[in-house]
Amino acid sequence: MHWGERQEYALDRPSIYRRAHSPFTHTLIPMGNLESPNS
């Protein structure tokens, strides 16, 4: 696993890191979807 590379990538380009296929994207999507449909 490229932990060091991942950290540098996120620090260098936080925008791309969020857009890239990362756990963050999957976490942000369900977070908002859970509150919307659940309400």
N, C-alpha and C. Protein backbone atom coordinates (compact mmCIF):
# COMPACT_ATOMS: atom_id res chain seq x y z
N MET A 1 0.86 -1.21 0.00
CA MET A 1 0.00 0.00 0.00
C MET A 1 0.89 1.26 0.00
N HIS A 2 0.46 2.26 -0.70
CA HIS A 2 1.26 3.51 -0.74
C HIS A 2 0.70 4.53 0.24
N TRP A 3 1.06 4.36 1.50
CA TRP A 3 0.55 5.30 2.52
C TRP A 3 1.21 6.67 2.35
N GLY A 4 2.56 6.66 2.26
CA GLY A 4 3.30 7.92 2.14
C GLY A 4 2.83 8.67 0.89
N GLU A 5 2.70 7.96 -0.20
CA GLU A 5 2.28 8.62 -1.45
C GLU A 5 0.87 9.18 -1.30
N ARG A 6 0.03 8.46 -0.62
CA ARG A 6 -1.36 8.91 -0.45
C ARG A 6 -1.38 10.21 0.37
N GLN A 7 -0.64 10.22 1.45
CA GLN A 7 -0.62 11.41 2.31
C GLN A 7 -0.12 12.61 1.52
N GLU A 8 0.98 12.43 0.80
CA GLU A 8 1.55 13.54 0.03
C GLU A 8 0.55 14.02 -1.02
N TYR A 9 -0.13 13.09 -1.64
CA TYR A 9 -1.10 13.45 -2.69
C TYR A 9 -2.23 14.30 -2.09
N ALA A 10 -2.70 13.88 -0.94
CA ALA A 10 -3.80 14.61 -0.29
C ALA A 10 -3.33 16.00 0.12
N LEU A 11 -2.12 16.08 0.64
CA LEU A 11 -1.61 17.39 1.09
C LEU A 11 -1.31 18.27 -0.13
N ASP A 12 -0.84 17.65 -1.20
CA ASP A 12 -0.50 18.42 -2.40
C ASP A 12 -1.77 18.86 -3.13
N ARG A 13 -2.69 17.96 -3.30
CA ARG A 13 -3.95 18.30 -4.01
C ARG A 13 -5.14 17.76 -3.23
N PRO A 14 -5.61 18.46 -2.23
CA PRO A 14 -6.76 18.01 -1.42
C PRO A 14 -8.02 17.92 -2.29
N SER A 15 -8.10 18.76 -3.30
CA SER A 15 -9.29 18.76 -4.18
C SER A 15 -9.34 17.46 -4.98
N ILE A 16 -8.25 17.13 -5.62
CA ILE A 16 -8.21 15.90 -6.44
C ILE A 16 -8.35 14.67 -5.55
N TYR A 17 -7.68 14.70 -4.40
CA TYR A 17 -7.73 13.54 -3.50
C TYR A 17 -9.20 13.24 -3.17
N ARG A 18 -9.97 14.27 -2.88
CA ARG A 18 -11.41 14.09 -2.50
C ARG A 18 -12.14 13.53 -3.73
N ARG A 19 -11.83 14.02 -4.89
CA ARG A 19 -12.57 13.59 -6.11
C ARG A 19 -12.11 12.16 -6.47
N ALA A 20 -10.83 11.88 -6.27
CA ALA A 20 -10.33 10.54 -6.64
C ALA A 20 -11.14 9.44 -5.95
N HIS A 21 -11.00 8.22 -6.44
CA HIS A 21 -11.75 7.09 -5.85
C HIS A 21 -11.16 6.77 -4.47
N SER A 22 -11.57 7.47 -3.47
CA SER A 22 -11.05 7.21 -2.12
C SER A 22 -12.20 6.95 -1.15
N PRO A 23 -11.89 6.43 0.02
CA PRO A 23 -12.92 6.16 1.03
C PRO A 23 -13.64 7.45 1.42
N PHE A 24 -12.97 8.58 1.25
CA PHE A 24 -13.59 9.86 1.62
C PHE A 24 -14.83 10.11 0.77
N THR A 25 -14.72 9.85 -0.52
CA THR A 25 -15.85 10.09 -1.42
C THR A 25 -17.04 9.21 -1.02
N HIS A 26 -16.76 7.97 -0.72
CA HIS A 26 -17.85 7.05 -0.35
C HIS A 26 -18.43 7.44 1.00
N THR A 27 -17.63 8.06 1.84
CA THR A 27 -18.11 8.44 3.18
C THR A 27 -18.95 9.70 3.09
N LEU A 28 -18.57 10.60 2.20
CA LEU A 28 -19.31 11.87 2.08
C LEU A 28 -20.67 11.62 1.41
N ILE A 29 -20.69 10.74 0.43
CA ILE A 29 -21.94 10.47 -0.29
C ILE A 29 -23.00 9.85 0.64
N PRO A 30 -22.67 8.74 1.32
CA PRO A 30 -23.65 8.09 2.20
C PRO A 30 -24.04 8.98 3.37
N MET A 31 -23.12 9.77 3.86
CA MET A 31 -23.41 10.65 5.00
C MET A 31 -24.61 11.55 4.68
N GLY A 32 -24.55 12.23 3.54
CA GLY A 32 -25.64 13.16 3.17
C GLY A 32 -26.87 12.38 2.74
N ASN A 33 -26.67 11.27 2.05
CA ASN A 33 -27.81 10.49 1.58
C ASN A 33 -28.58 9.87 2.75
N LEU A 34 -27.85 9.53 3.78
CA LEU A 34 -28.50 8.88 4.94
C LEU A 34 -29.41 9.88 5.65
N GLU A 35 -28.98 11.13 5.69
CA GLU A 35 -29.80 12.13 6.41
C GLU A 35 -30.99 12.56 5.55
N SER A 36 -30.83 12.56 4.25
CA SER A 36 -31.92 13.02 3.36
C SER A 36 -33.06 12.00 3.29
N PRO A 37 -32.78 10.79 2.79
CA PRO A 37 -33.83 9.77 2.64
C PRO A 37 -34.36 9.30 3.99
N ASN A 38 -33.51 9.31 4.99
CA ASN A 38 -33.95 8.83 6.31
C ASN A 38 -34.95 9.79 6.93
N SER A 39 -34.73 11.08 6.72
CA SER A 39 -35.62 12.07 7.36
C SER A 39 -37.04 11.80 6.93
